[in-house]
C-alpha atoms as a PDB file:
ATOM      1  CA  MET A   1      16.910  55.145  51.699  1.00  0.00           C
ATOM      2  CA  ASN A   2      16.950  57.360  48.669  1.00  0.00           C
ATOM      3  CA  SER A   3      14.070  55.502  47.034  1.00  0.00           C
ATOM      4  CA  THR A   4      12.037  55.709  50.249  1.00  0.00           C
ATOM      5  CA  ARG A   5      12.609  59.476  50.307  1.00  0.00           C
ATOM      6  CA  HIS A   6      11.423  59.809  46.683  1.00  0.00           C
ATOM      7  CA  TRP A   7       8.390  57.676  47.481  1.00  0.00           C
ATOM      8  CA  VAL A   8       7.464  59.883  50.463  1.00  0.00           C
ATOM      9  CA  ILE A   9       7.940  63.062  48.440  1.00  0.00           C
ATOM     10  CA  GLY A  10       5.823  61.600  45.636  1.00  0.00           C
ATOM     11  CA  LEU A  11       3.131  60.644  48.083  1.00  0.00           C
ATOM     12  CA  LEU A  12       3.167  64.114  49.653  1.00  0.00           C
ATOM     13  CA  LEU A  13       2.986  65.688  46.193  1.00  0.00           C
ATOM     14  CA  VAL A  14      -0.051  63.570  45.326  1.00  0.00           C
ATOM     15  CA  ALA A  15      -1.644  64.556  48.654  1.00  0.00           C
ATOM     16  CA  VAL A  16      -1.059  68.281  48.005  1.00  0.00           C
ATOM     17  CA  VAL A  17      -2.520  68.021  44.489  1.00  0.00           C
ATOM     18  CA  MET A  18      -5.549  66.073  45.742  1.00  0.00           C
ATOM     19  CA  SER A  19      -6.042  68.650  48.482  1.00  0.00           C
ATOM     20  CA  ALA A  20      -5.904  71.483  45.948  1.00  0.00           C
ATOM     21  CA  ILE A  21      -8.434  69.756  43.752  1.00  0.00           C
ATOM     22  CA  ALA A  22     -10.698  69.224  46.758  1.00  0.00           C
ATOM     23  CA  VAL A  23     -10.461  72.931  47.647  1.00  0.00           C
ATOM     24  CA  VAL A  24     -11.367  74.006  44.087  1.00  0.00           C
ATOM     25  CA  TYR A  25     -14.277  71.566  43.969  1.00  0.00           C
ATOM     26  CA  SER A  26     -15.498  72.730  47.383  1.00  0.00           C
ATOM     27  CA  LYS A  27     -15.399  76.365  46.258  1.00  0.00           C
ATOM     28  CA  TYR A  28     -17.309  75.419  43.053  1.00  0.00           C
ATOM     29  CA  LEU A  29     -20.037  73.665  45.070  1.00  0.00           C
ATOM     30  CA  SER A  30     -20.211  76.627  47.444  1.00  0.00           C
ATOM     31  CA  ARG A  31     -20.794  79.033  44.584  1.00  0.00           C
ATOM     32  CA  ARG A  32     -23.472  76.788  43.060  1.00  0.00           C
ATOM     33  CA  HIS A  33     -25.289  76.510  46.387  1.00  0.00           C
ATOM     34  CA  PHE A  34     -25.050  80.254  46.898  1.00  0.00           C
ATOM     35  CA  VAL A  35     -26.602  80.949  43.496  1.00  0.00           C
ATOM     36  CA  ALA A  36     -29.386  78.462  44.234  1.00  0.00           C
ATOM     37  CA  LEU A  37     -29.956  80.134  47.631  1.00  0.00           C
ATOM     38  CA  GLN A  38     -30.239  83.580  45.960  1.00  0.00           C
ATOM     39  CA  GLU A  39     -32.764  82.220  43.443  1.00  0.00           C
ATOM     40  CA  LEU A  40     -34.834  80.664  46.236  1.00  0.00           C
ATOM     41  CA  GLN A  41     -34.748  83.893  48.219  1.00  0.00           C
ATOM     42  CA  ALA A  42     -35.904  85.855  45.188  1.00  0.00           C
ATOM     43  CA  GLU A  43     -38.762  83.322  44.687  1.00  0.00           C
ATOM     44  CA  GLN A  44     -39.674  83.598  48.355  1.00  0.00           C
ATOM     45  CA  GLU A  45     -39.854  87.386  48.079  1.00  0.00           C
ATOM     46  CA  ARG A  46     -41.960  87.168  44.891  1.00  0.00           C
ATOM     47  CA  LEU A  47     -44.325  84.727  46.594  1.00  0.00           C
ATOM     48  CA  GLY A  48     -44.544  86.976  49.653  1.00  0.00           C
ATOM     49  CA  VAL A  49     -45.542  89.912  47.511  1.00  0.00           C
ATOM     50  CA  GLU A  50     -48.128  87.820  45.668  1.00  0.00           C
ATOM     51  CA  TRP A  51     -49.478  86.501  48.976  1.00  0.00           C
ATOM     52  CA  GLY A  52     -49.935  90.039  50.254  1.00  0.00           C
ATOM     53  CA  ARG A  53     -51.719  91.019  47.051  1.00  0.00           C
ATOM     54  CA  LEU A  54     -54.036  88.018  47.317  1.00  0.00           C
ATOM     55  CA  GLN A  55     -54.821  88.795  50.968  1.00  0.00           C
ATOM     56  CA  LEU A  56     -55.694  92.386  50.014  1.00  0.00           C
ATOM     57  CA  GLU A  57     -57.854  91.143  47.155  1.00  0.00           C
ATOM     58  CA  GLU A  58     -59.629  88.676  49.455  1.00  0.00           C
ATOM     59  CA  SER A  59     -60.378  91.325  52.025  1.00  0.00           C
ATOM     60  CA  THR A  60     -61.736  93.598  49.309  1.00  0.00           C
ATOM     61  CA  LEU A  61     -63.927  90.918  47.784  1.00  0.00           C
ATOM     62  CA  ALA A  62     -65.264  89.827  51.165  1.00  0.00           C
ATOM     63  CA  THR A  63     -66.600  93.239  52.206  1.00  0.00           C
ATOM     64  CA  HIS A  64     -70.364  93.412  52.707  1.00  0.00           C
ATOM     65  CA  SER A  65     -70.871  95.983  49.947  1.00  0.00           C
ATOM     66  CA  GLU A  66     -68.903  93.870  47.414  1.00  0.00           C
ATOM     67  CA  VAL A  67     -70.880  90.706  48.241  1.00  0.00           C
ATOM     68  CA  GLU A  68     -74.153  92.664  48.001  1.00  0.00           C
ATOM     69  CA  GLN A  69     -73.172  94.241  44.668  1.00  0.00           C
ATOM     70  CA  ARG A  70     -72.209  90.828  43.181  1.00  0.00           C
ATOM     71  CA  ALA A  71     -75.519  89.364  44.384  1.00  0.00           C
ATOM     72  CA  ARG A  72     -77.430  92.214  42.762  1.00  0.00           C
ATOM     73  CA  ASP A  73     -75.517  91.873  39.478  1.00  0.00           C
ATOM     74  CA  SER A  74     -75.220  88.138  39.011  1.00  0.00           C
ATOM     75  CA  LEU A  75     -78.426  86.944  40.739  1.00  0.00           C
ATOM     76  CA  GLN A  76     -80.577  89.963  39.861  1.00  0.00           C
ATOM     77  CA  MET A  77     -81.401  90.416  43.513  1.00  0.00           C
ATOM     78  CA  HIS A  78     -83.010  93.580  44.855  1.00  0.00           C
ATOM     79  CA  LEU A  79     -84.633  94.936  47.972  1.00  0.00           C
ATOM     80  CA  PRO A  80     -88.353  93.996  47.853  1.00  0.00           C
ATOM     81  CA  GLU A  81     -90.991  96.697  47.641  1.00  0.00           C
ATOM     82  CA  MET A  82     -93.584  96.850  50.395  1.00  0.00           C
ATOM     83  CA  ASN A  83     -96.183  95.141  48.196  1.00  0.00           C
ATOM     84  CA  GLU A  84     -93.779  92.269  47.559  1.00  0.00           C
ATOM     85  CA  VAL A  85     -93.330  91.468  51.272  1.00  0.00           C
ATOM     86  CA  VAL A  86     -95.397  88.573  52.600  1.00  0.00           C
ATOM     87  CA  VAL A  87     -95.707  88.092  56.315  1.00  0.00           C
ATOM     88  CA  ILE A  88     -96.469  84.527  57.449  1.00  0.00           C
ATOM     89  CA  ARG A  89     -98.024  84.135  60.867  1.00  0.00           C
ATOM     90  CA  ARG A  90     -98.620  80.908  62.709  1.00  0.00           C
END
C-alpha cells in the first residue's frame, strides 16, 4: 500500500508540474498574441490615416479647376479666340 501511495503522489506531482508549465506557456503565448495585436492595430491606424490623405488628395486632383489647369499645362490647351472657332453646318 505504501508503494501505491508513493506512486499516486508522484503522479500528482508530475500533473502539478505539467499544469504549471502549461500555465506559463499559455501566458507566454497570450503576451505574444497581444503584442502582435497591438502591432496590427498600429498598422491599421497608419493605413487609415494614409487612406484619408489619399481620399483628400483624390478629391483635390479631381476638381474641375485642377483638371483644367493640368490640361492647359501638359497639353498646351487654351480657350480658342473667335477667329479660331469654326462652325460646321449641315
